[in-house]
Amino acid sequence: MTRLKKQPHPIDLYAGRKLCEARTIRGLSQQDLGKRLGHPITFQQVQKYENGANRIAVSRLYEFAIALQLPLTYFLPAQESETTPLLSPQDTKLLEQFRPLSPDIQDALLTLMKKTGQR
């Protein structure tokens, strides 16, 4: 008899995507986030939470909320309607490229963007 692999629940996948989004916005690696928890975990465990391979216990979700300075409800979909993501995929890519730059280059790019937007 073959066993069917159980698919993650959509809420677990949603919470994992929100965790990844929040971590990215905060500019943290999976390893950095894992170390910030009250009970530290490995980057592999953070990765499993983010991709939905492991379910996030409420106590762990609470630790993530504290570490990321977000309300616990950030990680859950609204009951009445879908929430709008903080960043689009394109915004996320832009932020990922921007964060590693030196402050001088970041300032120069921001100045250029402001000037370009004034046209």
PDB file of N, CA and C in Angstrom:
ATOM      1  N   MET A   1       0.830  -1.171   0.000  1.00  0.00           N
ATOM      2  CA  MET A   1       0.000   0.000   0.000  1.00  0.00           C
ATOM      3  C   MET A   1       0.889   1.254   0.000  1.00  0.00           C
ATOM      4  N   THR A   2       0.623   2.186  -0.898  1.00  0.00           N
ATOM      5  CA  THR A   2       1.393   3.427  -0.944  1.00  0.00           C
ATOM      6  C   THR A   2       0.682   4.493  -0.141  1.00  0.00           C
ATOM      7  N   ARG A   3       1.451   5.302   0.514  1.00  0.00           N
ATOM      8  CA  ARG A   3       0.886   6.391   1.306  1.00  0.00           C
ATOM      9  C   ARG A   3       0.953   7.667   0.509  1.00  0.00           C
ATOM     10  N   LEU A   4      -0.114   8.408   0.541  1.00  0.00           N
ATOM     11  CA  LEU A   4      -0.129   9.702  -0.108  1.00  0.00           C
ATOM     12  C   LEU A   4       0.527  10.723   0.810  1.00  0.00           C
ATOM     13  N   LYS A   5       1.363  11.558   0.220  1.00  0.00           N
ATOM     14  CA  LYS A   5       2.006  12.599   1.009  1.00  0.00           C
ATOM     15  C   LYS A   5       0.966  13.665   1.337  1.00  0.00           C
ATOM     16  N   LYS A   6       0.856  13.979   2.595  1.00  0.00           N
ATOM     17  CA  LYS A   6      -0.112  14.967   3.043  1.00  0.00           C
ATOM     18  C   LYS A   6       0.337  16.368   2.625  1.00  0.00           C
ATOM     19  N   GLN A   7      -0.541  17.087   2.006  1.00  0.00           N
ATOM     20  CA  GLN A   7      -0.243  18.445   1.561  1.00  0.00           C
ATOM     21  C   GLN A   7      -0.409  19.417   2.728  1.00  0.00           C
ATOM     22  N   PRO A   8       0.440  20.457   2.792  1.00  0.00           N
ATOM     23  CA  PRO A   8       0.296  21.455   3.860  1.00  0.00           C
ATOM     24  C   PRO A   8      -1.049  22.179   3.751  1.00  0.00           C
ATOM     25  N   HIS A   9      -1.578  22.562   4.870  1.00  0.00           N
ATOM     26  CA  HIS A   9      -2.824  23.327   4.914  1.00  0.00           C
ATOM     27  C   HIS A   9      -2.560  24.723   4.347  1.00  0.00           C
ATOM     28  N   PRO A  10      -3.510  25.289   3.614  1.00  0.00           N
ATOM     29  CA  PRO A  10      -3.308  26.635   3.046  1.00  0.00           C
ATOM     30  C   PRO A  10      -2.940  27.702   4.084  1.00  0.00           C
ATOM     31  N   ILE A  11      -3.463  27.586   5.297  1.00  0.00           N
ATOM     32  CA  ILE A  11      -3.135  28.568   6.344  1.00  0.00           C
ATOM     33  C   ILE A  11      -1.667  28.428   6.752  1.00  0.00           C
ATOM     34  N   ASP A  12      -1.162  27.197   6.812  1.00  0.00           N
ATOM     35  CA  ASP A  12       0.251  26.977   7.137  1.00  0.00           C
ATOM     36  C   ASP A  12       1.146  27.580   6.054  1.00  0.00           C
ATOM     37  N   LEU A  13       0.760  27.398   4.797  1.00  0.00           N
ATOM     38  CA  LEU A  13       1.518  27.983   3.690  1.00  0.00           C
ATOM     39  C   LEU A  13       1.481  29.505   3.750  1.00  0.00           C
ATOM     40  N   TYR A  14       0.317  30.054   4.059  1.00  0.00           N
ATOM     41  CA  TYR A  14       0.160  31.512   4.165  1.00  0.00           C
ATOM     42  C   TYR A  14       1.069  32.057   5.266  1.00  0.00           C
ATOM     43  N   ALA A  15       1.035  31.425   6.449  1.00  0.00           N
ATOM     44  CA  ALA A  15       1.860  31.881   7.573  1.00  0.00           C
ATOM     45  C   ALA A  15       3.340  31.816   7.211  1.00  0.00           C
ATOM     46  N   GLY A  16       3.744  30.777   6.501  1.00  0.00           N
ATOM     47  CA  GLY A  16       5.136  30.650   6.076  1.00  0.00           C
ATOM     48  C   GLY A  16       5.540  31.747   5.106  1.00  0.00           C
ATOM     49  N   ARG A  17       4.640  32.065   4.151  1.00  0.00           N
ATOM     50  CA  ARG A  17       4.936  33.151   3.204  1.00  0.00           C
ATOM     51  C   ARG A  17       5.037  34.489   3.921  1.00  0.00           C
ATOM     52  N   LYS A  18       4.163  34.721   4.890  1.00  0.00           N
ATOM     53  CA  LYS A  18       4.201  35.977   5.643  1.00  0.00           C
ATOM     54  C   LYS A  18       5.480  36.064   6.483  1.00  0.00           C
ATOM     55  N   LEU A  19       5.912  34.934   7.032  1.00  0.00           N
ATOM     56  CA  LEU A  19       7.162  34.898   7.794  1.00  0.00           C
ATOM     57  C   LEU A  19       8.326  35.276   6.891  1.00  0.00           C
ATOM     58  N   CYS A  20       8.385  34.697   5.712  1.00  0.00           N
ATOM     59  CA  CYS A  20       9.452  34.987   4.750  1.00  0.00           C
ATOM     60  C   CYS A  20       9.412  36.462   4.341  1.00  0.00           C
ATOM     61  N   GLU A  21       8.216  36.953   4.079  1.00  0.00           N
ATOM     62  CA  GLU A  21       8.048  38.355   3.672  1.00  0.00           C
ATOM     63  C   GLU A  21       8.543  39.304   4.766  1.00  0.00           C
ATOM     64  N   ALA A  22       8.130  39.045   6.002  1.00  0.00           N
ATOM     65  CA  ALA A  22       8.517  39.912   7.115  1.00  0.00           C
ATOM     66  C   ALA A  22      10.021  39.861   7.360  1.00  0.00           C
ATOM     67  N   ARG A  23      10.592  38.665   7.283  1.00  0.00           N
ATOM     68  CA  ARG A  23      12.037  38.518   7.477  1.00  0.00           C
ATOM     69  C   ARG A  23      12.800  39.289   6.404  1.00  0.00           C
ATOM     70  N   THR A  24      12.342  39.187   5.163  1.00  0.00           N
ATOM     71  CA  THR A  24      12.987  39.886   4.054  1.00  0.00           C
ATOM     72  C   THR A  24      12.889  41.396   4.229  1.00  0.00           C
ATOM     73  N   ILE A  25      11.714  41.866   4.602  1.00  0.00           N
ATOM     74  CA  ILE A  25      11.514  43.305   4.813  1.00  0.00           C
ATOM     75  C   ILE A  25      12.440  43.828   5.908  1.00  0.00           C
ATOM     76  N   ARG A  26      12.642  43.021   6.940  1.00  0.00           N
ATOM     77  CA  ARG A  26      13.515  43.421   8.055  1.00  0.00           C
ATOM     78  C   ARG A  26      14.998  43.255   7.712  1.00  0.00           C
ATOM     79  N   GLY A  27      15.290  42.670   6.557  1.00  0.00           N
ATOM     80  CA  GLY A  27      16.684  42.504   6.141  1.00  0.00           C
ATOM     81  C   GLY A  27      17.429  41.440   6.922  1.00  0.00           C
ATOM     82  N   LEU A  28      16.725  40.415   7.385  1.00  0.00           N
ATOM     83  CA  LEU A  28      17.338  39.358   8.183  1.00  0.00           C
ATOM     84  C   LEU A  28      17.517  38.092   7.360  1.00  0.00           C
ATOM     85  N   SER A  29      18.584  37.383   7.630  1.00  0.00           N
ATOM     86  CA  SER A  29      18.751  36.052   7.037  1.00  0.00           C
ATOM     87  C   SER A  29      17.932  35.078   7.873  1.00  0.00           C
ATOM     88  N   GLN A  30      17.748  33.877   7.347  1.00  0.00           N
ATOM     89  CA  GLN A  30      17.039  32.853   8.113  1.00  0.00           C
ATOM     90  C   GLN A  30      17.813  32.524   9.386  1.00  0.00           C
ATOM     91  N   GLN A  31      19.128  32.514   9.290  1.00  0.00           N
ATOM     92  CA  GLN A  31      19.958  32.224  10.454  1.00  0.00           C
ATOM     93  C   GLN A  31      19.818  33.326  11.514  1.00  0.00           C
ATOM     94  N   ASP A  32      19.840  34.594  11.072  1.00  0.00           N
ATOM     95  CA  ASP A  32      19.704  35.714  12.010  1.00  0.00           C
ATOM     96  C   ASP A  32      18.361  35.648  12.742  1.00  0.00           C
ATOM     97  N   LEU A  33      17.299  35.366  11.991  1.00  0.00           N
ATOM     98  CA  LEU A  33      15.977  35.293  12.608  1.00  0.00           C
ATOM     99  C   LEU A  33      15.920  34.147  13.611  1.00  0.00           C
ATOM    100  N   GLY A  34      16.454  32.993  13.242  1.00  0.00           N
ATOM    101  CA  GLY A  34      16.448  31.849  14.149  1.00  0.00           C
ATOM    102  C   GLY A  34      17.144  32.133  15.469  1.00  0.00           C
ATOM    103  N   LYS A  35      18.221  32.917  15.415  1.00  0.00           N
ATOM    104  CA  LYS A  35      18.976  33.263  16.625  1.00  0.00           C
ATOM    105  C   LYS A  35      18.246  34.271  17.510  1.00  0.00           C
ATOM    106  N   ARG A  36      17.319  35.047  16.934  1.00  0.00           N
ATOM    107  CA  ARG A  36      16.618  36.094  17.692  1.00  0.00           C
ATOM    108  C   ARG A  36      15.470  35.564  18.538  1.00  0.00           C
ATOM    109  N   LEU A  37      15.106  34.315  18.359  1.00  0.00           N
ATOM    110  CA  LEU A  37      13.968  33.764  19.082  1.00  0.00           C
ATOM    111  C   LEU A  37      14.322  33.456  20.520  1.00  0.00           C
ATOM    112  N   GLY A  38      13.300  33.417  21.384  1.00  0.00           N
ATOM    113  CA  GLY A  38      13.499  33.072  22.782  1.00  0.00           C
ATOM    114  C   GLY A  38      14.127  31.701  22.942  1.00  0.00           C
ATOM    115  N   HIS A  39      13.735  30.785  22.072  1.00  0.00           N
ATOM    116  CA  HIS A  39      14.322  29.448  21.997  1.00  0.00           C
ATOM    117  C   HIS A  39      14.895  29.319  20.592  1.00  0.00           C
ATOM    118  N   PRO A  40      16.174  29.689  20.405  1.00  0.00           N
ATOM    119  CA  PRO A  40      16.771  29.741  19.059  1.00  0.00           C
ATOM    120  C   PRO A  40      16.611  28.441  18.273  1.00  0.00           C
ATOM    121  N   ILE A  41      16.486  28.604  16.952  1.00  0.00           N
ATOM    122  CA  ILE A  41      16.367  27.472  16.038  1.00  0.00           C
ATOM    123  C   ILE A  41      17.334  27.666  14.874  1.00  0.00           C
ATOM    124  N   THR A  42      17.552  26.620  14.100  1.00  0.00           N
ATOM    125  CA  THR A  42      18.480  26.683  12.977  1.00  0.00           C
ATOM    126  C   THR A  42      17.833  27.366  11.768  1.00  0.00           C
ATOM    127  N   PHE A  43      18.675  27.793  10.839  1.00  0.00           N
ATOM    128  CA  PHE A  43      18.142  28.393   9.617  1.00  0.00           C
ATOM    129  C   PHE A  43      17.345  27.365   8.834  1.00  0.00           C
ATOM    130  N   GLN A  44      17.709  26.076   8.939  1.00  0.00           N
ATOM    131  CA  GLN A  44      16.967  25.036   8.231  1.00  0.00           C
ATOM    132  C   GLN A  44      15.528  24.962   8.734  1.00  0.00           C
ATOM    133  N   GLN A  45      15.346  25.127  10.037  1.00  0.00           N
ATOM    134  CA  GLN A  45      13.999  25.083  10.600  1.00  0.00           C
ATOM    135  C   GLN A  45      13.194  26.292  10.135  1.00  0.00           C
ATOM    136  N   VAL A  46      13.812  27.472  10.105  1.00  0.00           N
ATOM    137  CA  VAL A  46      13.128  28.662   9.596  1.00  0.00           C
ATOM    138  C   VAL A  46      12.720  28.406   8.144  1.00  0.00           C
ATOM    139  N   GLN A  47      13.625  27.837   7.377  1.00  0.00           N
ATOM    140  CA  GLN A  47      13.356  27.534   5.968  1.00  0.00           C
ATOM    141  C   GLN A  47      12.163  26.589   5.823  1.00  0.00           C
ATOM    142  N   LYS A  48      12.082  25.584   6.668  1.00  0.00           N
ATOM    143  CA  LYS A  48      10.966  24.635   6.620  1.00  0.00           C
ATOM    144  C   LYS A  48       9.645  25.312   6.975  1.00  0.00           C
ATOM    145  N   TYR A  49       9.677  26.244   7.931  1.00  0.00           N
ATOM    146  CA  TYR A  49       8.469  27.008   8.256  1.00  0.00           C
ATOM    147  C   TYR A  49       8.049  27.868   7.064  1.00  0.00           C
ATOM    148  N   GLU A  50       9.023  28.533   6.461  1.00  0.00           N
ATOM    149  CA  GLU A  50       8.711  29.448   5.352  1.00  0.00           C
ATOM    150  C   GLU A  50       8.143  28.729   4.140  1.00  0.00           C
ATOM    151  N   ASN A  51       8.621  27.532   3.853  1.00  0.00           N
ATOM    152  CA  ASN A  51       8.121  26.838   2.662  1.00  0.00           C
ATOM    153  C   ASN A  51       6.960  25.900   2.952  1.00  0.00           C
ATOM    154  N   GLY A  52       6.510  25.872   4.206  1.00  0.00           N
ATOM    155  CA  GLY A  52       5.334  25.080   4.564  1.00  0.00           C
ATOM    156  C   GLY A  52       5.622  23.619   4.837  1.00  0.00           C
ATOM    157  N   ALA A  53       6.885  23.212   4.852  1.00  0.00           N
ATOM    158  CA  ALA A  53       7.227  21.813   5.127  1.00  0.00           C
ATOM    159  C   ALA A  53       6.895  21.444   6.574  1.00  0.00           C
ATOM    160  N   ASN A  54       7.051  22.396   7.492  1.00  0.00           N
ATOM    161  CA  ASN A  54       6.699  22.192   8.905  1.00  0.00           C
ATOM    162  C   ASN A  54       5.673  23.238   9.320  1.00  0.00           C
ATOM    163  N   ARG A  55       4.747  22.814  10.145  1.00  0.00           N
ATOM    164  CA  ARG A  55       3.738  23.739  10.670  1.00  0.00           C
ATOM    165  C   ARG A  55       4.359  24.560  11.805  1.00  0.00           C
ATOM    166  N   ILE A  56       3.921  25.806  11.925  1.00  0.00           N
ATOM    167  CA  ILE A  56       4.439  26.692  12.973  1.00  0.00           C
ATOM    168  C   ILE A  56       3.480  26.655  14.162  1.00  0.00           C
ATOM    169  N   ALA A  57       3.978  26.223  15.309  1.00  0.00           N
ATOM    170  CA  ALA A  57       3.173  26.224  16.528  1.00  0.00           C
ATOM    171  C   ALA A  57       2.869  27.670  16.919  1.00  0.00           C
ATOM    172  N   VAL A  58       1.774  27.869  17.608  1.00  0.00           N
ATOM    173  CA  VAL A  58       1.385  29.227  18.008  1.00  0.00           C
ATOM    174  C   VAL A  58       2.458  29.857  18.886  1.00  0.00           C
ATOM    175  N   SER A  59       3.070  29.076  19.774  1.00  0.00           N
ATOM    176  CA  SER A  59       4.115  29.630  20.637  1.00  0.00           C
ATOM    177  C   SER A  59       5.312  30.105  19.814  1.00  0.00           C
ATOM    178  N   ARG A  60       5.651  29.357  18.778  1.00  0.00           N
ATOM    179  CA  ARG A  60       6.764  29.743  17.902  1.00  0.00           C
ATOM    180  C   ARG A  60       6.366  30.968  17.077  1.00  0.00           C
ATOM    181  N   LEU A  61       5.130  30.997  16.602  1.00  0.00           N
ATOM    182  CA  LEU A  61       4.644  32.142  15.835  1.00  0.00           C
ATOM    183  C   LEU A  61       4.690  33.406  16.692  1.00  0.00           C
ATOM    184  N   TYR A  62       4.362  33.248  17.967  1.00  0.00           N
ATOM    185  CA  TYR A  62       4.427  34.372  18.909  1.00  0.00           C
ATOM    186  C   TYR A  62       5.874  34.872  19.034  1.00  0.00           C
ATOM    187  N   GLU A  63       6.846  33.954  19.115  1.00  0.00           N
ATOM    188  CA  GLU A  63       8.255  34.347  19.181  1.00  0.00           C
ATOM    189  C   GLU A  63       8.681  35.079  17.912  1.00  0.00           C
ATOM    190  N   PHE A  64       8.222  34.593  16.747  1.00  0.00           N
ATOM    191  CA  PHE A  64       8.533  35.278  15.490  1.00  0.00           C
ATOM    192  C   PHE A  64       7.947  36.692  15.498  1.00  0.00           C
ATOM    193  N   ALA A  65       6.722  36.829  15.977  1.00  0.00           N
ATOM    194  CA  ALA A  65       6.070  38.139  16.010  1.00  0.00           C
ATOM    195  C   ALA A  65       6.870  39.117  16.866  1.00  0.00           C
ATOM    196  N   ILE A  66       7.349  38.656  18.005  1.00  0.00           N
ATOM    197  CA  ILE A  66       8.151  39.511  18.886  1.00  0.00           C
ATOM    198  C   ILE A  66       9.482  39.859  18.210  1.00  0.00           C
ATOM    199  N   ALA A  67      10.153  38.852  17.652  1.00  0.00           N
ATOM    200  CA  ALA A  67      11.459  39.078  17.028  1.00  0.00           C
ATOM    201  C   ALA A  67      11.359  40.040  15.840  1.00  0.00           C
ATOM    202  N   LEU A  68      10.230  39.995  15.120  1.00  0.00           N
ATOM    203  CA  LEU A  68      10.057  40.834  13.931  1.00  0.00           C
ATOM    204  C   LEU A  68       9.272  42.115  14.223  1.00  0.00           C
ATOM    205  N   GLN A  69       8.893  42.290  15.489  1.00  0.00           N
ATOM    206  CA  GLN A  69       8.145  43.477  15.929  1.00  0.00           C
ATOM    207  C   GLN A  69       6.863  43.659  15.119  1.00  0.00           C
ATOM    208  N   LEU A  70       6.081  42.586  15.070  1.00  0.00           N
ATOM    209  CA  LEU A  70       4.821  42.578  14.334  1.00  0.00           C
ATOM    210  C   LEU A  70       3.726  41.991  15.220  1.00  0.00           C
ATOM    211  N   PRO A  71       2.472  42.360  14.960  1.00  0.00           N
ATOM    212  CA  PRO A  71       1.396  41.712  15.702  1.00  0.00           C
ATOM    213  C   PRO A  71       1.246  40.263  15.241  1.00  0.00           C
ATOM    214  N   LEU A  72       0.810  39.399  16.127  1.00  0.00           N
ATOM    215  CA  LEU A  72       0.623  37.995  15.792  1.00  0.00           C
ATOM    216  C   LEU A  72      -0.323  37.834  14.599  1.00  0.00           C
ATOM    217  N   THR A  73      -1.300  38.703  14.499  1.00  0.00           N
ATOM    218  CA  THR A  73      -2.280  38.617  13.416  1.00  0.00           C
ATOM    219  C   THR A  73      -1.679  38.856  12.042  1.00  0.00           C
ATOM    220  N   TYR A  74      -0.481  39.433  11.969  1.00  0.00           N
ATOM    221  CA  TYR A  74       0.183  39.662  10.686  1.00  0.00           C
ATOM    222  C   TYR A  74       0.352  38.354   9.917  1.00  0.00           C
ATOM    223  N   PHE A  75       0.563  37.264  10.633  1.00  0.00           N
ATOM    224  CA  PHE A  75       0.862  35.971  10.017  1.00  0.00           C
ATOM    225  C   PHE A  75      -0.380  35.179   9.613  1.00  0.00           C
ATOM    226  N   LEU A  76      -1.558  35.719   9.901  1.00  0.00           N
ATOM    227  CA  LEU A  76      -2.802  35.017   9.607  1.00  0.00           C
ATOM    228  C   LEU A  76      -3.641  35.808   8.620  1.00  0.00           C
ATOM    229  N   PRO A  77      -4.340  35.111   7.723  1.00  0.00           N
ATOM    230  CA  PRO A  77      -5.197  35.838   6.779  1.00  0.00           C
ATOM    231  C   PRO A  77      -6.405  36.416   7.507  1.00  0.00           C
ATOM    232  N   ALA A  78      -6.916  37.508   6.986  1.00  0.00           N
ATOM    233  CA  ALA A  78      -8.131  38.096   7.540  1.00  0.00           C
ATOM    234  C   ALA A  78      -9.270  37.099   7.335  1.00  0.00           C
ATOM    235  N   GLN A  79     -10.176  37.032   8.272  1.00  0.00           N
ATOM    236  CA  GLN A  79     -11.260  36.069   8.165  1.00  0.00           C
ATOM    237  C   GLN A  79     -12.297  36.480   7.124  1.00  0.00           C
ATOM    238  N   GLU A  80     -12.468  37.755   6.948  1.00  0.00           N
ATOM    239  CA  GLU A  80     -13.520  38.228   6.052  1.00  0.00           C
ATOM    240  C   GLU A  80     -13.037  38.415   4.622  1.00  0.00           C
ATOM    241  N   SER A  81     -11.765  38.764   4.439  1.00  0.00           N
ATOM    242  CA  SER A  81     -11.255  38.987   3.093  1.00  0.00           C
ATOM    243  C   SER A  81      -9.755  38.749   3.073  1.00  0.00           C
ATOM    244  N   GLU A  82      -9.231  38.587   1.877  1.00  0.00           N
ATOM    245  CA  GLU A  82      -7.788  38.412   1.724  1.00  0.00           C
ATOM    246  C   GLU A  82      -7.063  39.712   2.053  1.00  0.00           C
ATOM    247  N   THR A  83      -5.890  39.575   2.609  1.00  0.00           N
ATOM    248  CA  THR A  83      -5.077  40.743   2.895  1.00  0.00           C
ATOM    249  C   THR A  83      -4.200  41.061   1.691  1.00  0.00           C
ATOM    250  N   THR A  84      -3.818  42.293   1.592  1.00  0.00           N
ATOM    251  CA  THR A  84      -2.926  42.721   0.526  1.00  0.00           C
ATOM    252  C   THR A  84      -1.491  42.592   1.021  1.00  0.00           C
ATOM    253  N   PRO A  85      -0.608  41.946   0.252  1.00  0.00           N
ATOM    254  CA  PRO A  85       0.774  41.822   0.713  1.00  0.00           C
ATOM    255  C   PRO A  85       1.428  43.187   0.867  1.00  0.00           C
ATOM    256  N   LEU A  86       2.352  43.270   1.811  1.00  0.00           N
ATOM    257  CA  LEU A  86       3.078  44.525   2.031  1.00  0.00           C
ATOM    258  C   LEU A  86       3.860  44.932   0.789  1.00  0.00           C
ATOM    259  N   LEU A  87       4.459  43.962   0.157  1.00  0.00           N
ATOM    260  CA  LEU A  87       5.290  44.245  -1.009  1.00  0.00           C
ATOM    261  C   LEU A  87       4.924  43.314  -2.154  1.00  0.00           C
ATOM    262  N   SER A  88       4.996  43.836  -3.349  1.00  0.00           N
ATOM    263  CA  SER A  88       4.823  42.996  -4.528  1.00  0.00           C
ATOM    264  C   SER A  88       6.111  42.196  -4.728  1.00  0.00           C
ATOM    265  N   PRO A  89       6.075  41.154  -5.547  1.00  0.00           N
ATOM    266  CA  PRO A  89       7.321  40.416  -5.821  1.00  0.00           C
ATOM    267  C   PRO A  89       8.419  41.327  -6.379  1.00  0.00           C
ATOM    268  N   GLN A  90       8.041  42.286  -7.215  1.00  0.00           N
ATOM    269  CA  GLN A  90       9.030  43.213  -7.780  1.00  0.00           C
ATOM    270  C   GLN A  90       9.616  44.112  -6.690  1.00  0.00           C
ATOM    271  N   ASP A  91       8.757  44.587  -5.769  1.00  0.00           N
ATOM    272  CA  ASP A  91       9.241  45.405  -4.648  1.00  0.00           C
ATOM    273  C   ASP A  91      10.235  44.615  -3.797  1.00  0.00           C
ATOM    274  N   THR A  92       9.924  43.353  -3.564  1.00  0.00           N
ATOM    275  CA  THR A  92      10.791  42.509  -2.755  1.00  0.00           C
ATOM    276  C   THR A  92      12.156  42.337  -3.421  1.00  0.00           C
ATOM    277  N   LYS A  93      12.163  42.095  -4.733  1.00  0.00           N
ATOM    278  CA  LYS A  93      13.426  41.955  -5.462  1.00  0.00           C
ATOM    279  C   LYS A  93      14.251  43.237  -5.372  1.00  0.00           C
ATOM    280  N   LEU A  94      13.590  44.379  -5.529  1.00  0.00           N
ATOM    281  CA  LEU A  94      14.274  45.668  -5.452  1.00  0.00           C
ATOM    282  C   LEU A  94      14.901  45.859  -4.063  1.00  0.00           C
ATOM    283  N   LEU A  95      14.141  45.552  -3.029  1.00  0.00           N
ATOM    284  CA  LEU A  95      14.638  45.696  -1.663  1.00  0.00           C
ATOM    285  C   LEU A  95      15.812  44.754  -1.393  1.00  0.00           C
ATOM    286  N   GLU A  96      15.733  43.527  -1.906  1.00  0.00           N
ATOM    287  CA  GLU A  96      16.823  42.580  -1.712  1.00  0.00           C
ATOM    288  C   GLU A  96      18.118  43.064  -2.362  1.00  0.00           C
ATOM    289  N   GLN A  97      18.021  43.765  -3.492  1.00  0.00           N
ATOM    290  CA  GLN A  97      19.201  44.307  -4.158  1.00  0.00           C
ATOM    291  C   GLN A  97      19.698  45.584  -3.475  1.00  0.00           C
ATOM    292  N   PHE A  98      18.800  46.354  -2.899  1.00  0.00           N
ATOM    293  CA  PHE A  98      19.109  47.646  -2.294  1.00  0.00           C
ATOM    294  C   PHE A  98      19.814  47.504  -0.938  1.00  0.00           C
ATOM    295  N   ARG A  99      19.325  46.604  -0.099  1.00  0.00           N
ATOM    296  CA  ARG A  99      19.827  46.480   1.279  1.00  0.00           C
ATOM    297  C   ARG A  99      21.335  46.254   1.392  1.00  0.00           C
ATOM    298  N   PRO A 100      21.953  45.410   0.558  1.00  0.00           N
ATOM    299  CA  PRO A 100      23.398  45.179   0.723  1.00  0.00           C
ATOM    300  C   PRO A 100      24.276  46.351   0.293  1.00  0.00           C
ATOM    301  N   LEU A 101      23.714  47.333  -0.383  1.00  0.00           N
ATOM    302  CA  LEU A 101      24.514  48.456  -0.863  1.00  0.00           C
ATOM    303  C   LEU A 101      24.980  49.325   0.296  1.00  0.00           C
ATOM    304  N   SER A 102      26.072  50.024   0.092  1.00  0.00           N
ATOM    305  CA  SER A 102      26.577  50.929   1.129  1.00  0.00           C
ATOM    306  C   SER A 102      25.597  52.083   1.309  1.00  0.00           C
ATOM    307  N   PRO A 103      25.607  52.732   2.470  1.00  0.00           N
ATOM    308  CA  PRO A 103      24.707  53.866   2.702  1.00  0.00           C
ATOM    309  C   PRO A 103      24.883  54.983   1.666  1.00  0.00           C
ATOM    310  N   ASP A 104      26.108  55.228   1.216  1.00  0.00           N
ATOM    311  CA  ASP A 104      26.345  56.272   0.216  1.00  0.00           C
ATOM    312  C   ASP A 104      25.648  55.944  -1.103  1.00  0.00           C
ATOM    313  N   ILE A 105      25.752  54.694  -1.516  1.00  0.00           N
ATOM    314  CA  ILE A 105      25.112  54.284  -2.767  1.00  0.00           C
ATOM    315  C   ILE A 105      23.589  54.294  -2.607  1.00  0.00           C
ATOM    316  N   GLN A 106      23.107  53.866  -1.448  1.00  0.00           N
ATOM    317  CA  GLN A 106      21.660  53.911  -1.195  1.00  0.00           C
ATOM    318  C   GLN A 106      21.147  55.352  -1.296  1.00  0.00           C
ATOM    319  N   ASP A 107      21.867  56.287  -0.673  1.00  0.00           N
ATOM    320  CA  ASP A 107      21.470  57.700  -0.727  1.00  0.00           C
ATOM    321  C   ASP A 107      21.480  58.225  -2.157  1.00  0.00           C
ATOM    322  N   ALA A 108      22.504  57.857  -2.922  1.00  0.00           N
ATOM    323  CA  ALA A 108      22.597  58.305  -4.310  1.00  0.00           C
ATOM    324  C   ALA A 108      21.430  57.759  -5.135  1.00  0.00           C
ATOM    325  N   LEU A 109      21.093  56.510  -4.927  1.00  0.00           N
ATOM    326  CA  LEU A 109      19.970  55.915  -5.655  1.00  0.00           C
ATOM    327  C   LEU A 109      18.641  56.571  -5.265  1.00  0.00           C
ATOM    328  N   LEU A 110      18.460  56.842  -3.987  1.00  0.00           N
ATOM    329  CA  LEU A 110      17.236  57.509  -3.540  1.00  0.00           C
ATOM    330  C   LEU A 110      17.113  58.911  -4.146  1.00  0.00           C
ATOM    331  N   THR A 111      18.223  59.628  -4.204  1.00  0.00           N
ATOM    332  CA  THR A 111      18.228  60.957  -4.815  1.00  0.00           C
ATOM    333  C   THR A 111      17.864  60.863  -6.288  1.00  0.00           C
ATOM    334  N   LEU A 112      18.464  59.916  -6.976  1.00  0.00           N
ATOM    335  CA  LEU A 112      18.160  59.708  -8.394  1.00  0.00           C
ATOM    336  C   LEU A 112      16.687  59.366  -8.594  1.00  0.00           C
ATOM    337  N   MET A 113      16.158  58.501  -7.758  1.00  0.00           N
ATOM    338  CA  MET A 113      14.756  58.107  -7.867  1.00  0.00           C
ATOM    339  C   MET A 113      13.826  59.294  -7.626  1.00  0.00           C
ATOM    340  N   LYS A 114      14.164  60.116  -6.639  1.00  0.00           N
ATOM    341  CA  LYS A 114      13.333  61.307  -6.361  1.00  0.00           C
ATOM    342  C   LYS A 114      13.355  62.261  -7.542  1.00  0.00           C
ATOM    343  N   LYS A 115      14.521  62.490  -8.097  1.00  0.00           N
ATOM    344  CA  LYS A 115      14.640  63.406  -9.250  1.00  0.00           C
ATOM    345  C   LYS A 115      13.911  62.855 -10.470  1.00  0.00           C
ATOM    346  N   THR A 116      14.007  61.564 -10.682  1.00  0.00           N
ATOM    347  CA  THR A 116      13.338  60.938 -11.822  1.00  0.00           C
ATOM    348  C   THR A 116      11.822  61.017 -11.650  1.00  0.00           C
ATOM    349  N   GLY A 117      11.341  60.893 -10.441  1.00  0.00           N
ATOM    350  CA  GLY A 117       9.904  60.941 -10.175  1.00  0.00           C
ATOM    351  C   GLY A 117       9.301  62.324 -10.251  1.00  0.00           C
ATOM    352  N   GLN A 118      10.125  63.380 -10.307  1.00  0.00           N
ATOM    353  CA  GLN A 118       9.623  64.764 -10.338  1.00  0.00           C
ATOM    354  C   GLN A 118       9.300  65.222 -11.746  1.00  0.00           C
ATOM    355  N   ARG A 119       9.549  64.429 -12.718  1.00  0.00           N
ATOM    356  CA  ARG A 119       9.310  64.840 -14.110  1.00  0.00           C
ATOM    357  C   ARG A 119       7.860  64.948 -14.412  1.00  0.00           C
TER     358      ARG A 119
END
